[in-house]
Amino acid sequence: MAETGKSEKQKGAEAKVEAFAKDLGPFVVACETSRMPMVFTDAKASGNPIIFVNDAFLSLTGYDRPEALGRPFNFLMEAGTDPEALAQIKAAFKFRPPVDPEIRYRRKDGSEFWASVLITPVRNESGDVVQHWASLLDVTKHKVRHEQTMLLVNELNHRVKYTLSTVQSIVRQSLRAGSNPKAIRESIDSRLFALARSHDLLSQEKWESAGMLDVVNTSVQPFVAGDRPDRFVVTGQNIRVPPDAVLALGNALNELARNALKFGALSHEEGRILVDWKVITTPDCDRLNLRWREVGAPPITPPSRKGFGSKMILDALRFQLQATVTLDYPPEGAVCKIDIPLRA
């Protein structure tokens, strides 16, 4: 009985198609050859069943003509479609809305696409609506570009807020740390230049990530003397690290180098700095272990209080990257160890 019922339903749909084509012959031919996906529905039946589809509609949806004819207009909507979308389609069948609804549909193979739906009533000689003509404009690429644009805007807002917050902190803390205008200006300039170098590095990589070797070399480059490139020994693979880690590590390495120039290995002719890192796999995630060691430095004593540089190294890495940071001052030179989770 189920097959018989289905056959009769299909025969009825095909009969309506034949009558529809006979009444609107030239127009049907034009719709059939159009590259715009089009359907006609029976306005007199519940659910606006489909009585005509063109080849462009079949190509867009993946259905065969017999599978589409006789089915409700909304059969392409995925299960659990937003009630607002259903309301928009319902309203479009009743009157021409100021904006054509954009609806997410599902193809026969289950893949999704977005379409802008234009529904126009077809009236008989008496003025009664007997069919509806609906055209679907595939706007999937437009929706994807829009979503990508919004992601980029949100990411840009995040970067701008982070940069402004960092600049504000640099200026405020530098003013608190000293009273000599020249020293304050040099302090601010050095830190802003470090931030700018990290931004330049990320811009070259389209802000997706950057190589760890490039991060370290970019951060210490201003402190490398032309005749003593051996003062920095950098060892480690050029693994990729995310943008937030690039910015935080760039600031931290700049502070470590500034401290080494003032009080540590770079203030002594024989001093050198060793930077190395490795990635350790844990059950939760991979972790980046970076070590900064100063050798050949003059004897130093641990500072009695944390200056702005030390505070930036410790707090920024902890709060921004959930890193574990230790900063020690053994007799042979300062040692900073940074452990950062590298989450996808």
Protein backbone atom coordinates (compact mmCIF):
# COMPACT_ATOMS: atom_id res chain seq x y z
CA MET A 1 0.00 0.00 0.00
CA ALA A 2 2.86 2.33 0.80
CA GLU A 3 4.28 1.97 -2.72
CA THR A 4 0.84 2.43 -4.30
CA GLY A 5 0.26 5.62 -2.28
CA LYS A 6 3.65 6.94 -3.24
CA SER A 7 3.01 6.19 -6.93
CA GLU A 8 -0.34 7.95 -6.88
CA LYS A 9 1.19 10.97 -5.18
CA GLN A 10 3.92 11.09 -7.78
CA LYS A 11 1.40 10.76 -10.62
CA GLY A 12 -0.61 13.64 -9.18
CA ALA A 13 2.51 15.83 -8.97
CA GLU A 14 3.46 15.00 -12.55
CA ALA A 15 -0.07 15.81 -13.76
CA LYS A 16 0.17 19.22 -12.10
CA VAL A 17 3.53 19.76 -13.77
CA GLU A 18 2.04 18.97 -17.19
CA ALA A 19 -0.89 21.32 -16.62
CA PHE A 20 1.44 24.01 -15.29
CA ALA A 21 3.73 23.69 -18.30
CA LYS A 22 0.78 23.83 -20.68
CA ASP A 23 -0.61 27.00 -19.09
CA LEU A 24 2.70 28.83 -18.89
CA GLY A 25 4.60 27.17 -21.71
CA PRO A 26 7.09 29.84 -22.84
CA PHE A 27 7.72 31.04 -19.30
CA VAL A 28 8.38 27.47 -18.13
CA VAL A 29 10.88 26.99 -20.95
CA ALA A 30 12.67 30.18 -19.91
CA CYS A 31 12.81 29.04 -16.29
CA GLU A 32 14.04 25.61 -17.30
CA THR A 33 17.02 27.04 -19.18
CA SER A 34 17.89 29.63 -16.54
CA ARG A 35 21.03 29.21 -14.48
CA MET A 36 19.13 30.54 -11.45
CA PRO A 37 17.68 27.70 -9.31
CA MET A 38 13.88 28.02 -9.54
CA VAL A 39 10.78 26.20 -8.30
CA PHE A 40 7.05 26.70 -8.60
CA THR A 41 4.71 25.65 -5.82
CA ASP A 42 0.97 25.02 -5.62
CA ALA A 43 -0.44 27.93 -3.60
CA LYS A 44 -3.78 26.16 -3.14
CA ALA A 45 -2.33 23.15 -1.28
CA SER A 46 -1.01 23.01 2.29
CA GLY A 47 2.74 23.35 2.64
CA ASN A 48 3.16 24.84 -0.84
CA PRO A 49 4.12 21.55 -2.55
CA ILE A 50 6.56 21.83 -5.42
CA ILE A 51 5.06 21.40 -8.92
CA PHE A 52 8.09 22.45 -10.97
CA VAL A 53 11.87 22.55 -10.56
CA ASN A 54 14.50 23.52 -13.11
CA ASP A 55 17.84 21.82 -13.72
CA ALA A 56 19.75 24.53 -11.83
CA PHE A 57 17.75 23.70 -8.67
CA LEU A 58 18.49 20.00 -9.07
CA SER A 59 22.19 20.75 -9.59
CA LEU A 60 22.29 22.93 -6.46
CA THR A 61 20.46 20.49 -4.18
CA GLY A 62 21.59 17.12 -5.55
CA TYR A 63 18.04 15.76 -5.85
CA ASP A 64 16.46 14.15 -8.90
CA ARG A 65 13.30 15.70 -10.30
CA PRO A 66 10.96 12.88 -9.11
CA GLU A 67 12.39 13.24 -5.59
CA ALA A 68 11.58 16.95 -5.43
CA LEU A 69 8.15 17.12 -7.06
CA GLY A 70 5.20 17.03 -4.70
CA ARG A 71 7.29 17.72 -1.60
CA PRO A 72 6.69 20.77 0.65
CA PHE A 73 8.72 23.83 -0.23
CA ASN A 74 10.56 23.68 3.11
CA PHE A 75 11.75 20.09 2.67
CA LEU A 76 15.33 21.30 2.19
CA MET A 77 15.47 22.89 5.60
CA GLU A 78 17.52 20.90 8.05
CA ALA A 79 15.78 19.38 11.05
CA GLY A 80 15.37 21.80 13.92
CA THR A 81 15.64 24.86 11.72
CA ASP A 82 15.48 28.12 13.63
CA PRO A 83 11.80 29.10 14.03
CA GLU A 84 12.77 32.57 12.85
CA ALA A 85 13.79 31.13 9.46
CA LEU A 86 10.47 29.30 9.15
CA ALA A 87 8.63 32.50 10.03
CA GLN A 88 10.59 34.40 7.36
CA ILE A 89 9.61 31.88 4.67
CA LYS A 90 5.99 31.91 5.82
CA ALA A 91 5.93 35.69 5.62
CA ALA A 92 7.57 35.63 2.19
CA PHE A 93 4.74 33.46 0.87
CA LYS A 94 2.16 35.95 2.17
CA PHE A 95 3.76 39.20 1.04
CA ARG A 96 6.99 40.60 -0.37
CA PRO A 97 9.24 41.33 2.64
CA PRO A 98 11.60 44.34 2.52
CA VAL A 99 14.58 41.95 2.65
CA ASP A 100 14.70 38.51 1.02
CA PRO A 101 15.31 35.88 3.71
CA GLU A 102 18.65 34.06 3.75
CA ILE A 103 18.06 30.46 4.78
CA ARG A 104 20.42 27.59 5.56
CA TYR A 105 19.42 24.54 3.53
CA ARG A 106 20.66 20.97 3.31
CA ARG A 107 21.48 19.10 0.10
CA LYS A 108 20.62 15.48 -0.52
CA ASP A 109 24.14 14.41 0.54
CA GLY A 110 23.76 16.26 3.87
CA SER A 111 26.02 19.20 3.04
CA GLU A 112 24.75 22.67 3.85
CA PHE A 113 24.37 25.79 1.75
CA TRP A 114 22.89 29.24 2.23
CA ALA A 115 20.38 30.71 -0.20
CA SER A 116 18.63 34.04 -0.51
CA VAL A 117 15.00 33.21 -1.33
CA LEU A 118 12.82 35.41 -3.55
CA ILE A 119 9.15 34.34 -3.59
CA THR A 120 6.71 35.91 -6.05
CA PRO A 121 2.96 35.08 -6.35
CA VAL A 122 1.53 33.93 -9.67
CA ARG A 123 -2.10 35.03 -10.16
CA ASN A 124 -4.85 33.85 -12.51
CA GLU A 125 -7.15 36.06 -14.54
CA SER A 126 -9.35 36.60 -11.47
CA GLY A 127 -6.40 37.84 -9.46
CA ASP A 128 -6.23 34.80 -7.18
CA VAL A 129 -2.82 33.43 -6.23
CA VAL A 130 -2.55 29.97 -7.76
CA GLN A 131 1.18 29.35 -7.64
CA HIS A 132 4.29 30.78 -6.12
CA TRP A 133 7.48 31.25 -8.08
CA ALA A 134 10.59 30.95 -5.90
CA SER A 135 14.18 31.53 -6.96
CA LEU A 136 17.18 30.65 -4.83
CA LEU A 137 20.42 32.60 -4.98
CA ASP A 138 23.31 30.62 -3.55
CA VAL A 139 25.01 32.96 -1.06
CA THR A 140 27.18 30.36 0.68
CA LYS A 141 30.46 32.02 -0.36
CA HIS A 142 29.11 35.39 0.77
CA LYS A 143 28.14 33.97 4.18
CA VAL A 144 31.53 32.29 4.58
CA ARG A 145 33.34 35.52 3.68
CA HIS A 146 31.14 37.42 6.11
CA GLU A 147 31.93 34.98 8.91
CA GLN A 148 35.64 35.18 8.09
CA THR A 149 35.43 38.98 8.10
CA MET A 150 33.76 38.97 11.51
CA LEU A 151 36.45 36.63 12.84
CA LEU A 152 39.12 38.97 11.50
CA VAL A 153 37.38 42.00 13.02
CA ASN A 154 37.13 40.28 16.39
CA GLU A 155 40.78 39.21 16.18
CA LEU A 156 41.80 42.74 15.24
CA ASN A 157 39.86 44.14 18.19
CA HIS A 158 41.63 41.67 20.46
CA ARG A 159 45.05 42.64 19.09
CA VAL A 160 44.37 46.35 19.35
CA LYS A 161 43.14 46.02 22.94
CA TYR A 162 46.18 43.90 23.84
CA THR A 163 48.57 46.37 22.20
CA LEU A 164 46.96 49.42 23.84
CA SER A 165 46.97 47.67 27.21
CA THR A 166 50.65 46.80 26.80
CA VAL A 167 51.58 50.33 25.74
CA GLN A 168 49.63 51.78 28.66
CA SER A 169 51.41 49.46 31.08
CA ILE A 170 54.83 50.28 29.60
CA VAL A 171 54.30 54.02 29.90
CA ARG A 172 52.75 53.91 33.36
CA GLN A 173 55.35 51.59 34.88
CA SER A 174 58.27 53.37 33.21
CA LEU A 175 57.12 56.67 34.72
CA ARG A 176 56.85 55.07 38.13
CA ALA A 177 60.28 53.43 37.87
CA GLY A 178 62.34 56.58 37.37
CA SER A 179 62.56 60.34 37.53
CA ASN A 180 65.17 61.05 34.83
CA PRO A 181 63.27 62.13 31.67
CA LYS A 182 65.97 60.83 29.35
CA ALA A 183 66.08 57.43 31.04
CA ILE A 184 62.29 57.22 31.04
CA ARG A 185 62.15 58.03 27.33
CA GLU A 186 64.82 55.44 26.50
CA SER A 187 63.00 52.85 28.59
CA ILE A 188 59.69 53.49 26.84
CA ASP A 189 61.28 53.59 23.38
CA SER A 190 63.11 50.29 23.88
CA ARG A 191 59.98 48.48 25.02
CA LEU A 192 57.79 49.93 22.30
CA PHE A 193 60.36 48.96 19.67
CA ALA A 194 60.35 45.41 21.06
CA LEU A 195 56.58 45.30 20.76
CA ALA A 196 56.80 46.67 17.20
CA ARG A 197 59.35 44.02 16.20
CA SER A 198 57.02 41.26 17.39
CA HIS A 199 54.17 42.84 15.42
CA ASP A 200 56.34 43.01 12.30
CA LEU A 201 57.28 39.36 12.66
CA LEU A 202 53.63 38.31 13.00
CA SER A 203 52.58 40.53 10.09
CA GLN A 204 55.05 38.68 7.87
CA GLU A 205 53.37 35.43 8.93
CA LYS A 206 49.81 36.81 8.46
CA TRP A 207 49.32 36.68 12.23
CA GLU A 208 48.87 32.91 12.18
CA SER A 209 52.01 31.93 14.12
CA ALA A 210 55.76 32.46 14.07
CA GLY A 211 58.85 30.30 14.36
CA MET A 212 60.44 30.15 17.80
CA LEU A 213 63.91 30.70 16.36
CA ASP A 214 62.66 33.82 14.61
CA VAL A 215 61.05 35.09 17.82
CA VAL A 216 64.31 34.77 19.77
CA ASN A 217 66.53 36.22 17.04
CA THR A 218 64.19 39.16 16.47
CA SER A 219 64.05 39.91 20.21
CA VAL A 220 67.81 39.87 20.85
CA GLN A 221 68.93 41.38 17.53
CA PRO A 222 69.18 44.99 18.87
CA PHE A 223 71.57 43.75 21.59
CA VAL A 224 73.94 41.84 19.29
CA ALA A 225 77.19 43.77 18.76
CA GLY A 226 78.45 43.72 15.19
CA ASP A 227 81.88 42.39 16.17
CA ARG A 228 80.59 39.92 18.80
CA PRO A 229 77.73 37.87 17.33
CA ASP A 230 78.92 34.94 19.47
CA ARG A 231 77.63 36.62 22.64
CA PHE A 232 74.25 35.01 22.00
CA VAL A 233 74.15 31.22 21.56
CA VAL A 234 70.65 30.21 20.44
CA THR A 235 69.76 26.52 20.26
CA GLY A 236 66.39 25.01 19.41
CA GLN A 237 64.09 23.95 16.61
CA ASN A 238 62.06 26.57 14.76
CA ILE A 239 58.73 25.29 16.09
CA ARG A 240 55.60 27.35 15.47
CA VAL A 241 54.10 29.31 18.36
CA PRO A 242 50.78 31.22 18.40
CA PRO A 243 50.52 35.04 18.22
CA ASP A 244 49.86 35.62 21.93
CA ALA A 245 52.98 33.63 22.81
CA VAL A 246 55.03 35.56 20.21
CA LEU A 247 54.07 38.91 21.76
CA ALA A 248 54.54 37.83 25.37
CA LEU A 249 57.86 36.09 24.71
CA GLY A 250 59.12 39.01 22.63
CA ASN A 251 58.49 41.38 25.53
CA ALA A 252 60.02 38.99 28.07
CA LEU A 253 63.19 38.35 26.05
CA ASN A 254 63.62 42.08 25.48
CA GLU A 255 63.45 42.68 29.25
CA LEU A 256 65.94 39.91 29.96
CA ALA A 257 68.36 41.37 27.40
CA ARG A 258 67.93 44.89 28.83
CA ASN A 259 68.71 43.61 32.33
CA ALA A 260 71.72 41.71 31.00
CA LEU A 261 73.00 44.88 29.33
CA LYS A 262 72.66 46.90 32.52
CA PHE A 263 73.69 44.43 35.21
CA GLY A 264 74.42 41.01 33.72
CA ALA A 265 76.38 39.20 31.04
CA LEU A 266 76.15 41.89 28.38
CA SER A 267 77.70 44.43 30.76
CA HIS A 268 80.94 42.41 30.86
CA GLU A 269 83.35 41.83 27.98
CA GLU A 270 83.46 38.06 28.47
CA GLY A 271 79.78 37.58 29.20
CA ARG A 272 77.56 35.43 27.00
CA ILE A 273 73.91 34.46 26.93
CA LEU A 274 72.70 30.94 26.16
CA VAL A 275 69.10 30.50 25.01
CA ASP A 276 67.69 27.05 24.37
CA TRP A 277 64.30 25.39 24.33
CA LYS A 278 62.59 22.07 23.76
CA VAL A 279 59.06 20.75 23.53
CA ILE A 280 57.90 18.21 26.09
CA THR A 281 54.79 16.09 25.46
CA THR A 282 52.45 15.64 28.43
CA PRO A 283 49.04 13.92 28.69
CA ASP A 284 47.32 17.33 28.58
CA CYS A 285 49.28 19.12 25.86
CA ASP A 286 52.74 19.84 24.52
CA ARG A 287 54.76 22.28 26.62
CA LEU A 288 57.51 24.65 25.54
CA ASN A 289 60.44 24.75 27.97
CA LEU A 290 62.67 27.78 27.34
CA ARG A 291 65.81 28.58 29.31
CA TRP A 292 67.79 31.83 29.38
CA ARG A 293 71.23 31.52 31.00
CA GLU A 294 73.88 34.19 31.49
CA VAL A 295 77.52 33.12 31.85
CA GLY A 296 80.66 35.16 32.41
CA ALA A 297 78.66 37.91 34.11
CA PRO A 298 80.04 39.98 36.98
CA PRO A 299 78.88 38.86 40.44
CA ILE A 300 75.35 40.05 41.04
CA THR A 301 72.98 40.00 43.96
CA PRO A 302 69.26 39.32 43.64
CA PRO A 303 67.26 42.57 43.50
CA SER A 304 65.53 43.55 46.72
CA ARG A 305 62.29 44.17 44.83
CA LYS A 306 60.84 43.37 41.44
CA GLY A 307 61.32 46.15 38.91
CA PHE A 308 59.04 46.73 35.96
CA GLY A 309 61.12 44.45 33.73
CA SER A 310 60.95 41.52 36.13
CA LYS A 311 57.28 42.15 36.73
CA MET A 312 56.61 42.09 32.97
CA ILE A 313 58.54 38.85 32.57
CA LEU A 314 56.78 37.08 35.42
CA ASP A 315 53.25 38.46 35.40
CA ALA A 316 52.64 38.78 31.67
CA LEU A 317 53.71 35.22 30.91
CA ARG A 318 51.76 33.82 33.84
CA PHE A 319 48.53 35.67 33.15
CA GLN A 320 48.55 35.68 29.34
CA LEU A 321 49.94 32.21 28.66
CA GLN A 322 49.35 30.33 31.93
CA ALA A 323 53.11 29.85 31.99
CA THR A 324 55.34 28.81 34.88
CA VAL A 325 58.26 31.23 35.24
CA THR A 326 61.28 31.18 37.53
CA LEU A 327 63.95 33.91 37.65
CA ASP A 328 67.04 33.12 39.71
CA TYR A 329 70.37 34.87 40.27
CA PRO A 330 73.14 32.31 40.96
CA PRO A 331 76.75 33.66 41.15
CA GLU A 332 77.55 32.64 37.58
CA GLY A 333 74.70 34.67 36.08
CA ALA A 334 70.93 35.12 35.91
CA VAL A 335 68.78 32.16 34.86
CA CYS A 336 65.19 32.40 33.65
CA LYS A 337 63.11 29.31 32.94
CA ILE A 338 59.77 29.58 31.15
CA ASP A 339 57.34 26.69 30.76
CA ILE A 340 54.38 27.41 28.41
CA PRO A 341 51.49 25.10 27.43
CA LEU A 342 51.19 24.92 23.64
CA ARG A 343 47.50 24.30 23.13
CA ALA A 344 46.07 24.00 19.62
